N, C-alpha and C. Protein backbone atom coordinates (compact mmCIF):
# COMPACT_ATOMS: atom_id res chain seq x y z
N UNK A 1 39.75 -1.53 -55.89
CA UNK A 1 38.44 -1.00 -55.50
C UNK A 1 37.63 -2.06 -54.77
N UNK A 2 37.66 -3.26 -55.32
CA UNK A 2 36.92 -4.37 -54.71
C UNK A 2 37.42 -4.66 -53.31
N UNK A 3 38.71 -4.61 -53.13
CA UNK A 3 39.31 -4.85 -51.82
C UNK A 3 38.86 -3.80 -50.80
N UNK A 4 38.77 -2.54 -51.27
CA UNK A 4 38.36 -1.46 -50.36
C UNK A 4 36.91 -1.68 -49.90
N UNK A 5 36.05 -2.09 -50.83
CA UNK A 5 34.64 -2.34 -50.47
C UNK A 5 34.55 -3.48 -49.47
N UNK A 6 35.33 -4.52 -49.70
CA UNK A 6 35.31 -5.68 -48.80
C UNK A 6 35.77 -5.28 -47.40
N UNK A 7 36.79 -4.44 -47.32
CA UNK A 7 37.28 -3.99 -46.02
C UNK A 7 36.23 -3.16 -45.30
N UNK A 8 35.48 -2.33 -46.04
CA UNK A 8 34.42 -1.53 -45.42
C UNK A 8 33.32 -2.42 -44.86
N UNK A 9 32.95 -3.46 -45.63
CA UNK A 9 31.92 -4.38 -45.18
C UNK A 9 32.35 -5.10 -43.92
N UNK A 10 33.59 -5.57 -43.92
CA UNK A 10 34.10 -6.27 -42.75
C UNK A 10 34.17 -5.34 -41.54
N UNK A 11 34.51 -4.07 -41.78
CA UNK A 11 34.57 -3.09 -40.69
C UNK A 11 33.18 -2.85 -40.11
N UNK A 12 32.18 -2.75 -41.01
CA UNK A 12 30.80 -2.56 -40.56
C UNK A 12 30.34 -3.76 -39.74
N UNK A 13 30.68 -4.95 -40.19
CA UNK A 13 30.29 -6.16 -39.48
C UNK A 13 30.90 -6.21 -38.07
N UNK A 14 32.16 -5.76 -37.98
CA UNK A 14 32.82 -5.75 -36.67
C UNK A 14 32.14 -4.76 -35.73
N UNK A 15 31.71 -3.60 -36.30
CA UNK A 15 31.06 -2.59 -35.48
C UNK A 15 29.68 -3.07 -35.03
N UNK A 16 28.98 -3.83 -35.88
CA UNK A 16 27.64 -4.29 -35.55
C UNK A 16 27.66 -5.49 -34.61
N UNK A 17 28.77 -6.18 -34.54
CA UNK A 17 28.86 -7.35 -33.68
C UNK A 17 28.78 -6.91 -32.22
N UNK A 18 27.96 -7.58 -31.42
CA UNK A 18 27.81 -7.19 -30.02
C UNK A 18 29.17 -7.22 -29.31
N UNK A 19 29.34 -6.26 -28.40
CA UNK A 19 30.59 -6.18 -27.65
C UNK A 19 30.66 -7.27 -26.59
N UNK A 20 29.50 -7.78 -26.21
CA UNK A 20 29.45 -8.77 -25.13
C UNK A 20 28.62 -9.98 -25.56
N UNK A 21 28.93 -11.11 -24.98
CA UNK A 21 28.18 -12.33 -25.24
C UNK A 21 27.42 -12.71 -23.98
N UNK A 22 26.10 -12.88 -24.07
CA UNK A 22 25.33 -13.24 -22.89
C UNK A 22 25.86 -14.50 -22.22
N UNK A 23 25.98 -14.47 -20.90
CA UNK A 23 26.42 -15.63 -20.15
C UNK A 23 27.92 -15.80 -20.06
N UNK A 24 28.66 -15.00 -20.84
CA UNK A 24 30.12 -15.11 -20.83
C UNK A 24 30.67 -14.34 -19.63
N UNK A 25 31.33 -15.05 -18.70
CA UNK A 25 31.79 -14.42 -17.47
C UNK A 25 32.89 -13.39 -17.73
N UNK A 26 33.77 -13.67 -18.67
CA UNK A 26 34.84 -12.72 -18.99
C UNK A 26 34.24 -11.42 -19.53
N UNK A 27 33.19 -11.54 -20.35
CA UNK A 27 32.53 -10.35 -20.88
C UNK A 27 31.84 -9.57 -19.77
N UNK A 28 31.23 -10.30 -18.83
CA UNK A 28 30.57 -9.59 -17.73
C UNK A 28 31.58 -8.84 -16.88
N UNK A 29 32.71 -9.45 -16.65
CA UNK A 29 33.77 -8.77 -15.87
C UNK A 29 34.22 -7.50 -16.59
N UNK A 30 34.33 -7.60 -17.91
CA UNK A 30 34.71 -6.42 -18.70
C UNK A 30 33.63 -5.35 -18.64
N UNK A 31 32.37 -5.79 -18.70
CA UNK A 31 31.25 -4.86 -18.59
C UNK A 31 31.27 -4.16 -17.23
N UNK A 32 31.55 -4.91 -16.20
CA UNK A 32 31.62 -4.36 -14.84
C UNK A 32 32.71 -3.30 -14.75
N UNK A 33 33.86 -3.60 -15.30
CA UNK A 33 35.00 -2.69 -15.23
C UNK A 33 34.74 -1.39 -16.00
N UNK A 34 34.10 -1.51 -17.14
CA UNK A 34 33.92 -0.33 -18.00
C UNK A 34 32.72 0.53 -17.64
N UNK A 35 31.71 -0.06 -17.01
CA UNK A 35 30.48 0.70 -16.76
C UNK A 35 30.24 1.06 -15.30
N UNK A 36 31.01 0.49 -14.37
CA UNK A 36 30.76 0.72 -12.96
C UNK A 36 30.83 2.21 -12.60
N UNK A 37 31.87 2.89 -13.10
CA UNK A 37 32.05 4.30 -12.77
C UNK A 37 30.89 5.16 -13.23
N UNK A 38 30.41 4.92 -14.45
CA UNK A 38 29.28 5.70 -14.97
C UNK A 38 28.02 5.46 -14.13
N UNK A 39 27.78 4.19 -13.82
CA UNK A 39 26.57 3.85 -13.07
C UNK A 39 26.65 4.41 -11.66
N UNK A 40 27.81 4.33 -11.03
CA UNK A 40 27.97 4.90 -9.69
C UNK A 40 27.72 6.40 -9.72
N UNK A 41 28.19 7.08 -10.75
CA UNK A 41 27.95 8.51 -10.87
C UNK A 41 26.47 8.84 -10.99
N UNK A 42 25.76 8.04 -11.78
CA UNK A 42 24.32 8.24 -11.94
C UNK A 42 23.59 8.07 -10.61
N UNK A 43 23.93 7.01 -9.89
CA UNK A 43 23.24 6.72 -8.64
C UNK A 43 23.58 7.74 -7.56
N UNK A 44 24.82 8.21 -7.56
CA UNK A 44 25.20 9.23 -6.58
C UNK A 44 24.42 10.51 -6.82
N UNK A 45 24.23 10.86 -8.09
CA UNK A 45 23.43 12.05 -8.41
C UNK A 45 21.98 11.85 -8.01
N UNK A 46 21.47 10.65 -8.20
CA UNK A 46 20.07 10.37 -7.85
C UNK A 46 19.83 10.41 -6.35
N UNK A 47 20.74 9.78 -5.59
CA UNK A 47 20.51 9.58 -4.16
C UNK A 47 21.14 10.65 -3.28
N UNK A 48 22.17 11.33 -3.83
CA UNK A 48 22.86 12.33 -3.02
C UNK A 48 23.64 11.73 -1.87
N UNK A 49 23.95 10.46 -1.97
CA UNK A 49 24.64 9.74 -0.89
C UNK A 49 25.57 8.72 -1.55
N UNK A 50 26.86 8.95 -1.43
CA UNK A 50 27.83 8.09 -2.10
C UNK A 50 27.75 6.65 -1.57
N UNK A 51 27.64 6.49 -0.26
CA UNK A 51 27.60 5.15 0.32
C UNK A 51 26.36 4.39 -0.16
N UNK A 52 25.22 5.07 -0.16
CA UNK A 52 23.99 4.42 -0.63
C UNK A 52 24.11 4.08 -2.11
N UNK A 53 24.73 4.98 -2.89
CA UNK A 53 24.91 4.74 -4.32
C UNK A 53 25.79 3.51 -4.55
N UNK A 54 26.84 3.36 -3.76
CA UNK A 54 27.71 2.20 -3.90
C UNK A 54 26.96 0.90 -3.59
N UNK A 55 26.11 0.95 -2.54
CA UNK A 55 25.31 -0.23 -2.20
C UNK A 55 24.38 -0.60 -3.34
N UNK A 56 23.72 0.42 -3.91
CA UNK A 56 22.77 0.16 -5.00
C UNK A 56 23.49 -0.33 -6.25
N UNK A 57 24.67 0.23 -6.51
CA UNK A 57 25.44 -0.20 -7.68
C UNK A 57 25.85 -1.67 -7.53
N UNK A 58 26.31 -2.00 -6.34
CA UNK A 58 26.70 -3.39 -6.09
C UNK A 58 25.51 -4.33 -6.26
N UNK A 59 24.38 -3.90 -5.71
CA UNK A 59 23.16 -4.71 -5.83
C UNK A 59 22.75 -4.86 -7.29
N UNK A 60 22.89 -3.78 -8.05
CA UNK A 60 22.50 -3.81 -9.46
C UNK A 60 23.37 -4.80 -10.24
N UNK A 61 24.68 -4.78 -10.00
CA UNK A 61 25.55 -5.71 -10.73
C UNK A 61 25.34 -7.15 -10.30
N UNK A 62 24.99 -7.35 -9.04
CA UNK A 62 24.67 -8.71 -8.60
C UNK A 62 23.42 -9.22 -9.32
N UNK A 63 22.41 -8.36 -9.44
CA UNK A 63 21.20 -8.74 -10.17
C UNK A 63 21.51 -8.99 -11.64
N UNK A 64 22.33 -8.10 -12.21
CA UNK A 64 22.68 -8.25 -13.63
C UNK A 64 23.44 -9.56 -13.86
N UNK A 65 24.31 -9.90 -12.94
CA UNK A 65 25.08 -11.14 -13.10
C UNK A 65 24.16 -12.36 -13.10
N UNK A 66 23.16 -12.33 -12.20
CA UNK A 66 22.22 -13.46 -12.14
C UNK A 66 21.41 -13.57 -13.43
N UNK A 67 21.18 -12.44 -14.10
CA UNK A 67 20.37 -12.44 -15.33
C UNK A 67 21.24 -12.36 -16.59
N UNK A 68 22.55 -12.42 -16.44
CA UNK A 68 23.46 -12.19 -17.55
C UNK A 68 23.21 -13.15 -18.71
N UNK A 69 22.88 -14.38 -18.41
CA UNK A 69 22.67 -15.35 -19.48
C UNK A 69 21.39 -15.06 -20.27
N UNK A 70 20.48 -14.27 -19.69
CA UNK A 70 19.22 -13.96 -20.38
C UNK A 70 19.26 -12.62 -21.12
N UNK A 71 20.37 -11.87 -20.95
CA UNK A 71 20.47 -10.58 -21.63
C UNK A 71 20.46 -10.78 -23.13
N UNK A 72 19.69 -9.93 -23.82
CA UNK A 72 19.62 -9.99 -25.28
C UNK A 72 20.26 -8.72 -25.84
N UNK A 73 21.22 -8.87 -26.73
CA UNK A 73 21.97 -7.71 -27.24
C UNK A 73 21.16 -6.83 -28.19
N UNK A 74 19.89 -6.62 -27.87
CA UNK A 74 19.08 -5.68 -28.66
C UNK A 74 19.49 -4.26 -28.31
N UNK A 75 19.70 -4.05 -27.00
CA UNK A 75 20.17 -2.76 -26.51
C UNK A 75 21.56 -2.97 -25.92
N UNK A 76 22.35 -1.91 -25.82
CA UNK A 76 23.70 -2.05 -25.26
C UNK A 76 23.66 -2.61 -23.84
N UNK A 77 24.64 -3.42 -23.51
CA UNK A 77 24.70 -4.01 -22.18
C UNK A 77 24.81 -2.95 -21.10
N UNK A 78 25.54 -1.86 -21.39
CA UNK A 78 25.68 -0.79 -20.42
C UNK A 78 24.33 -0.18 -20.06
N UNK A 79 23.49 0.01 -21.09
CA UNK A 79 22.16 0.57 -20.87
C UNK A 79 21.30 -0.39 -20.06
N UNK A 80 21.45 -1.66 -20.32
CA UNK A 80 20.70 -2.69 -19.60
C UNK A 80 21.04 -2.67 -18.11
N UNK A 81 22.33 -2.61 -17.79
CA UNK A 81 22.74 -2.56 -16.38
C UNK A 81 22.32 -1.23 -15.75
N UNK A 82 22.39 -0.16 -16.53
CA UNK A 82 21.96 1.14 -16.03
C UNK A 82 20.50 1.09 -15.59
N UNK A 83 19.67 0.46 -16.40
CA UNK A 83 18.26 0.36 -16.06
C UNK A 83 18.06 -0.41 -14.75
N UNK A 84 18.79 -1.51 -14.60
CA UNK A 84 18.70 -2.29 -13.36
C UNK A 84 19.14 -1.44 -12.17
N UNK A 85 20.21 -0.66 -12.36
CA UNK A 85 20.74 0.17 -11.28
C UNK A 85 19.76 1.27 -10.89
N UNK A 86 19.13 1.88 -11.87
CA UNK A 86 18.17 2.95 -11.58
C UNK A 86 16.97 2.38 -10.83
N UNK A 87 16.51 1.21 -11.23
CA UNK A 87 15.41 0.56 -10.51
C UNK A 87 15.80 0.26 -9.06
N UNK A 88 17.04 -0.16 -8.87
CA UNK A 88 17.52 -0.44 -7.52
C UNK A 88 17.52 0.84 -6.67
N UNK A 89 17.92 1.96 -7.29
CA UNK A 89 17.94 3.23 -6.57
C UNK A 89 16.53 3.70 -6.23
N UNK A 90 15.61 3.51 -7.15
CA UNK A 90 14.22 3.89 -6.89
C UNK A 90 13.65 3.07 -5.73
N UNK A 91 13.94 1.77 -5.73
CA UNK A 91 13.49 0.91 -4.63
C UNK A 91 14.10 1.35 -3.31
N UNK A 92 15.37 1.73 -3.35
CA UNK A 92 16.05 2.19 -2.14
C UNK A 92 15.39 3.47 -1.62
N UNK A 93 15.09 4.40 -2.52
CA UNK A 93 14.45 5.65 -2.10
C UNK A 93 13.09 5.38 -1.48
N UNK A 94 12.34 4.45 -2.08
CA UNK A 94 11.02 4.12 -1.55
C UNK A 94 11.13 3.55 -0.14
N UNK A 95 12.09 2.64 0.05
CA UNK A 95 12.28 2.05 1.37
C UNK A 95 12.68 3.11 2.39
N UNK A 96 13.53 4.05 1.98
CA UNK A 96 13.96 5.10 2.90
C UNK A 96 12.79 5.99 3.29
N UNK A 97 11.93 6.30 2.33
CA UNK A 97 10.76 7.14 2.64
C UNK A 97 9.84 6.42 3.61
N UNK A 98 9.62 5.13 3.37
CA UNK A 98 8.76 4.36 4.27
C UNK A 98 9.38 4.28 5.66
N UNK A 99 10.71 4.12 5.72
CA UNK A 99 11.38 4.05 7.01
C UNK A 99 11.25 5.38 7.75
N UNK A 100 11.39 6.49 7.01
CA UNK A 100 11.25 7.80 7.64
C UNK A 100 9.84 8.00 8.17
N UNK A 101 8.85 7.58 7.38
CA UNK A 101 7.46 7.70 7.84
C UNK A 101 7.25 6.86 9.09
N UNK A 102 7.80 5.64 9.09
CA UNK A 102 7.66 4.77 10.25
C UNK A 102 8.29 5.38 11.49
N UNK A 103 9.46 6.01 11.32
CA UNK A 103 10.11 6.64 12.45
C UNK A 103 9.29 7.81 12.98
N UNK A 104 8.68 8.58 12.07
CA UNK A 104 7.83 9.69 12.50
C UNK A 104 6.63 9.18 13.30
N UNK A 105 6.00 8.12 12.78
CA UNK A 105 4.83 7.56 13.46
C UNK A 105 5.22 7.04 14.84
N UNK A 106 6.36 6.35 14.92
CA UNK A 106 6.80 5.85 16.23
C UNK A 106 7.11 6.99 17.18
N UNK A 107 7.68 8.08 16.66
CA UNK A 107 8.00 9.22 17.51
C UNK A 107 6.73 9.91 18.02
N UNK A 108 5.74 9.99 17.15
CA UNK A 108 4.47 10.60 17.57
C UNK A 108 3.79 9.73 18.62
N UNK A 109 3.94 8.43 18.46
CA UNK A 109 3.32 7.51 19.41
C UNK A 109 1.93 7.12 18.98
N UNK A 110 1.41 6.13 19.64
CA UNK A 110 0.07 5.65 19.32
C UNK A 110 -0.98 6.59 19.89
N UNK A 111 -1.93 7.04 19.08
CA UNK A 111 -2.98 7.92 19.61
C UNK A 111 -3.92 7.16 20.53
N UNK A 112 -4.54 7.92 21.41
CA UNK A 112 -5.53 7.30 22.28
C UNK A 112 -6.73 6.88 21.45
N UNK A 113 -7.13 5.65 21.62
CA UNK A 113 -8.25 5.15 20.85
C UNK A 113 -9.57 5.61 21.46
N UNK A 114 -10.56 5.74 20.59
CA UNK A 114 -11.89 6.09 21.10
C UNK A 114 -12.38 4.95 21.99
N UNK A 115 -13.12 5.30 23.02
CA UNK A 115 -13.63 4.24 23.91
C UNK A 115 -14.44 3.22 23.14
N UNK A 116 -14.31 1.99 23.55
CA UNK A 116 -15.08 0.91 22.94
C UNK A 116 -16.56 1.15 23.22
N UNK A 117 -17.42 1.07 22.20
CA UNK A 117 -18.86 1.26 22.46
C UNK A 117 -19.38 0.36 23.57
N UNK A 118 -18.78 -0.81 23.69
CA UNK A 118 -19.25 -1.74 24.74
C UNK A 118 -19.10 -1.11 26.12
N UNK A 119 -18.07 -0.28 26.31
CA UNK A 119 -17.83 0.32 27.63
C UNK A 119 -18.87 1.38 27.98
N UNK A 120 -19.57 1.86 26.97
CA UNK A 120 -20.57 2.90 27.21
C UNK A 120 -21.99 2.34 27.24
N UNK A 121 -22.11 1.08 27.12
CA UNK A 121 -23.43 0.46 27.21
C UNK A 121 -23.65 0.00 28.64
N UNK A 122 -24.64 0.56 29.29
CA UNK A 122 -24.81 0.31 30.72
C UNK A 122 -25.27 -1.11 31.01
N UNK A 123 -25.98 -1.70 30.11
CA UNK A 123 -26.54 -3.01 30.37
C UNK A 123 -25.95 -4.05 29.43
N UNK A 124 -25.53 -5.13 29.98
CA UNK A 124 -24.94 -6.19 29.19
C UNK A 124 -25.95 -6.77 28.21
N UNK A 125 -27.21 -6.73 28.58
CA UNK A 125 -28.24 -7.26 27.70
C UNK A 125 -28.28 -6.51 26.37
N UNK A 126 -28.08 -5.20 26.43
CA UNK A 126 -28.10 -4.41 25.20
C UNK A 126 -26.90 -4.78 24.32
N UNK A 127 -25.76 -4.99 24.95
CA UNK A 127 -24.57 -5.39 24.19
C UNK A 127 -24.80 -6.72 23.49
N UNK A 128 -25.38 -7.65 24.21
CA UNK A 128 -25.65 -8.97 23.64
C UNK A 128 -26.67 -8.87 22.52
N UNK A 129 -27.67 -7.99 22.72
CA UNK A 129 -28.69 -7.81 21.69
C UNK A 129 -28.09 -7.22 20.41
N UNK A 130 -27.20 -6.22 20.58
CA UNK A 130 -26.53 -5.63 19.42
C UNK A 130 -25.72 -6.69 18.67
N UNK A 131 -25.09 -7.57 19.43
CA UNK A 131 -24.26 -8.60 18.81
C UNK A 131 -25.09 -9.60 18.01
N UNK A 132 -26.37 -9.71 18.33
CA UNK A 132 -27.24 -10.64 17.62
C UNK A 132 -27.82 -10.04 16.34
N UNK A 133 -27.70 -8.72 16.21
CA UNK A 133 -28.20 -8.08 15.00
C UNK A 133 -27.31 -8.42 13.81
N UNK A 134 -27.86 -8.40 12.60
CA UNK A 134 -27.00 -8.51 11.41
C UNK A 134 -25.96 -7.39 11.45
N UNK A 135 -24.72 -7.64 11.04
CA UNK A 135 -23.64 -6.66 11.15
C UNK A 135 -23.98 -5.29 10.57
N UNK A 136 -24.66 -5.26 9.42
CA UNK A 136 -24.97 -3.98 8.79
C UNK A 136 -25.95 -3.16 9.63
N UNK A 137 -26.89 -3.84 10.27
CA UNK A 137 -27.85 -3.14 11.13
C UNK A 137 -27.16 -2.67 12.40
N UNK A 138 -26.32 -3.50 12.98
CA UNK A 138 -25.58 -3.10 14.18
C UNK A 138 -24.69 -1.90 13.88
N UNK A 139 -24.06 -1.90 12.72
CA UNK A 139 -23.19 -0.79 12.34
C UNK A 139 -23.99 0.50 12.24
N UNK A 140 -25.17 0.44 11.65
CA UNK A 140 -26.01 1.63 11.53
C UNK A 140 -26.39 2.17 12.91
N UNK A 141 -26.75 1.27 13.83
CA UNK A 141 -27.13 1.69 15.18
C UNK A 141 -25.95 2.38 15.88
N UNK A 142 -24.78 1.76 15.80
CA UNK A 142 -23.61 2.31 16.50
C UNK A 142 -23.19 3.65 15.88
N UNK A 143 -23.18 3.73 14.55
CA UNK A 143 -22.80 4.98 13.90
C UNK A 143 -23.78 6.10 14.25
N UNK A 144 -25.04 5.76 14.32
CA UNK A 144 -26.06 6.78 14.57
C UNK A 144 -26.09 7.21 16.04
N UNK A 145 -26.16 6.24 16.93
CA UNK A 145 -26.44 6.57 18.33
C UNK A 145 -25.21 6.59 19.22
N UNK A 146 -24.10 6.00 18.75
CA UNK A 146 -22.89 6.09 19.56
C UNK A 146 -21.97 7.19 19.03
N UNK A 147 -21.71 7.16 17.72
CA UNK A 147 -20.81 8.15 17.15
C UNK A 147 -21.52 9.45 16.80
N UNK A 148 -22.85 9.44 16.77
CA UNK A 148 -23.59 10.67 16.49
C UNK A 148 -23.64 11.05 15.03
N UNK A 149 -23.45 10.09 14.12
CA UNK A 149 -23.53 10.40 12.69
C UNK A 149 -24.97 10.65 12.28
N UNK A 150 -25.14 11.55 11.33
CA UNK A 150 -26.46 11.73 10.74
C UNK A 150 -26.71 10.60 9.75
N UNK A 151 -27.98 10.45 9.35
CA UNK A 151 -28.29 9.42 8.35
C UNK A 151 -27.51 9.66 7.06
N UNK A 152 -27.35 10.92 6.71
CA UNK A 152 -26.63 11.24 5.48
C UNK A 152 -25.16 10.82 5.61
N UNK A 153 -24.56 11.10 6.76
CA UNK A 153 -23.16 10.73 6.97
C UNK A 153 -22.99 9.21 6.99
N UNK A 154 -23.97 8.52 7.58
CA UNK A 154 -23.91 7.05 7.61
C UNK A 154 -24.00 6.50 6.19
N UNK A 155 -24.89 7.10 5.41
CA UNK A 155 -25.04 6.66 4.02
C UNK A 155 -23.72 6.82 3.26
N UNK A 156 -23.04 7.94 3.48
CA UNK A 156 -21.76 8.18 2.81
C UNK A 156 -20.70 7.19 3.29
N UNK A 157 -20.71 6.91 4.61
CA UNK A 157 -19.71 6.01 5.18
C UNK A 157 -19.89 4.58 4.68
N UNK A 158 -21.13 4.15 4.56
CA UNK A 158 -21.42 2.77 4.18
C UNK A 158 -21.62 2.60 2.68
N UNK A 159 -21.70 3.73 1.96
CA UNK A 159 -21.89 3.64 0.51
C UNK A 159 -23.26 3.14 0.12
N UNK A 160 -24.29 3.56 0.86
CA UNK A 160 -25.65 3.12 0.57
C UNK A 160 -26.56 4.34 0.51
N UNK A 161 -27.76 4.22 -0.08
CA UNK A 161 -28.69 5.34 -0.12
C UNK A 161 -29.14 5.73 1.29
N UNK A 162 -29.45 7.00 1.47
CA UNK A 162 -29.88 7.48 2.78
C UNK A 162 -31.16 6.79 3.24
N UNK A 163 -32.07 6.50 2.31
CA UNK A 163 -33.31 5.82 2.68
C UNK A 163 -33.04 4.42 3.22
N UNK A 164 -31.97 3.79 2.73
CA UNK A 164 -31.62 2.47 3.22
C UNK A 164 -31.15 2.55 4.66
N UNK A 165 -30.44 3.64 5.00
CA UNK A 165 -30.00 3.84 6.39
C UNK A 165 -31.21 3.93 7.30
N UNK A 166 -32.20 4.74 6.91
CA UNK A 166 -33.40 4.89 7.73
C UNK A 166 -34.11 3.55 7.91
N UNK A 167 -34.16 2.77 6.84
CA UNK A 167 -34.81 1.47 6.91
C UNK A 167 -34.07 0.53 7.85
N UNK A 168 -32.74 0.51 7.74
CA UNK A 168 -31.95 -0.36 8.62
C UNK A 168 -32.10 0.04 10.08
N UNK A 169 -32.08 1.34 10.32
CA UNK A 169 -32.22 1.80 11.70
C UNK A 169 -33.57 1.39 12.27
N UNK A 170 -34.64 1.55 11.48
CA UNK A 170 -35.98 1.22 11.95
C UNK A 170 -36.07 -0.28 12.27
N UNK A 171 -35.57 -1.10 11.36
CA UNK A 171 -35.63 -2.55 11.57
C UNK A 171 -34.77 -2.95 12.76
N UNK A 172 -33.58 -2.35 12.87
CA UNK A 172 -32.67 -2.70 13.97
C UNK A 172 -33.29 -2.34 15.31
N UNK A 173 -33.89 -1.15 15.40
CA UNK A 173 -34.52 -0.73 16.66
C UNK A 173 -35.67 -1.66 17.02
N UNK A 174 -36.45 -2.04 16.01
CA UNK A 174 -37.58 -2.95 16.26
C UNK A 174 -37.08 -4.28 16.80
N UNK A 175 -36.00 -4.80 16.22
CA UNK A 175 -35.44 -6.06 16.70
C UNK A 175 -34.88 -5.93 18.10
N UNK A 176 -34.22 -4.81 18.36
CA UNK A 176 -33.67 -4.59 19.71
C UNK A 176 -34.79 -4.54 20.74
N UNK A 177 -35.86 -3.83 20.41
CA UNK A 177 -37.00 -3.76 21.35
C UNK A 177 -37.55 -5.15 21.63
N UNK A 178 -37.65 -5.96 20.56
CA UNK A 178 -38.17 -7.30 20.75
C UNK A 178 -37.28 -8.14 21.65
N UNK A 179 -35.94 -8.02 21.45
CA UNK A 179 -35.01 -8.81 22.26
C UNK A 179 -34.94 -8.32 23.70
N UNK A 180 -35.18 -7.00 23.89
CA UNK A 180 -35.04 -6.44 25.23
C UNK A 180 -36.36 -6.32 25.98
N UNK A 181 -37.46 -6.67 25.32
CA UNK A 181 -38.77 -6.47 25.94
C UNK A 181 -38.92 -7.25 27.24
N UNK A 182 -38.38 -8.45 27.28
CA UNK A 182 -38.51 -9.27 28.50
C UNK A 182 -37.70 -8.68 29.65
N UNK A 183 -36.58 -8.02 29.32
CA UNK A 183 -35.72 -7.48 30.37
C UNK A 183 -36.21 -6.14 30.87
N UNK A 184 -36.65 -5.28 29.95
CA UNK A 184 -36.99 -3.92 30.35
C UNK A 184 -38.47 -3.61 30.31
N UNK A 185 -39.27 -4.58 29.94
CA UNK A 185 -40.72 -4.41 29.98
C UNK A 185 -41.17 -3.23 29.15
N UNK A 186 -41.90 -2.33 29.76
CA UNK A 186 -42.49 -1.20 29.05
C UNK A 186 -41.43 -0.29 28.47
N UNK A 187 -40.27 -0.20 29.13
CA UNK A 187 -39.22 0.69 28.63
C UNK A 187 -38.67 0.23 27.30
N UNK A 188 -38.89 -1.02 26.94
CA UNK A 188 -38.38 -1.53 25.67
C UNK A 188 -39.06 -0.89 24.49
N UNK A 189 -40.22 -0.20 24.71
CA UNK A 189 -40.88 0.49 23.61
C UNK A 189 -40.13 1.74 23.21
N UNK A 190 -39.24 2.23 24.11
CA UNK A 190 -38.44 3.40 23.78
C UNK A 190 -37.21 2.95 22.98
N UNK A 191 -36.64 3.86 22.20
CA UNK A 191 -35.43 3.48 21.46
C UNK A 191 -34.36 3.04 22.44
N UNK A 192 -33.94 1.79 22.42
CA UNK A 192 -33.03 1.28 23.42
C UNK A 192 -31.69 1.98 23.45
N UNK A 193 -31.22 2.40 22.31
CA UNK A 193 -29.91 3.02 22.28
C UNK A 193 -29.92 4.37 22.97
N UNK A 194 -30.95 5.18 22.72
CA UNK A 194 -31.00 6.50 23.32
C UNK A 194 -31.27 6.40 24.80
N UNK A 195 -31.95 5.36 25.22
CA UNK A 195 -32.30 5.21 26.63
C UNK A 195 -31.09 4.86 27.46
N UNK A 196 -30.08 4.23 26.84
CA UNK A 196 -29.00 3.69 27.65
C UNK A 196 -27.64 4.29 27.29
N UNK A 197 -27.60 5.57 27.09
CA UNK A 197 -26.31 6.22 26.98
C UNK A 197 -25.88 6.61 25.57
N UNK A 198 -26.63 6.19 24.55
CA UNK A 198 -26.26 6.61 23.20
C UNK A 198 -26.74 8.03 22.97
N UNK A 199 -26.02 8.78 22.18
CA UNK A 199 -26.41 10.15 21.89
C UNK A 199 -26.94 10.22 20.47
N UNK A 200 -28.23 10.52 20.27
CA UNK A 200 -28.76 10.61 18.92
C UNK A 200 -28.22 11.80 18.19
N UNK A 201 -28.17 11.71 16.87
CA UNK A 201 -27.69 12.81 16.05
C UNK A 201 -28.86 13.45 15.33
N UNK A 202 -28.75 14.74 15.13
CA UNK A 202 -29.81 15.46 14.40
C UNK A 202 -29.45 15.49 12.93
N UNK A 203 -30.41 15.13 12.09
CA UNK A 203 -30.16 15.14 10.64
C UNK A 203 -30.18 16.56 10.13
């Protein structure tokens, strides 16, 4: 009876002993031989492309080999390599989707860009004056009088309260008038943007 119990214990110990030893090249070769077919089948089902699945499987085992010495036999080695392989397939799918999107964009071609606001400003002085404004004020002027945005739309675009847009526009116009007064004299009292080709928007 005692002998039978001892044999059972030894059998249990053999079953609990890891099948593979981390870092052991012979064990990794055995792991490769026994699990490659299962992993290839999984990847082929995922990708629907045998050649791509073979590439991903090869990549997965190369990664696993580099990390083989760090593998911890908490989970089966086959499951560990499977996880690496699935991640490789997911990365492959992501790259393929991005490549397909890139090909579509290239096929569509580059859209015609909106004309540069500078090209629609009749006087160079106004362009220089806009460039001297603080960027946020210049942006408000261009959005309002070049693109035709309402104050509400500008507020949404810039993420600021609508009253702030009105304040920026008022200050920007006042500064523009001051900078352009010497060039345009009495006409500088008019809103410079609307006078020189900008289209105002109705709120």
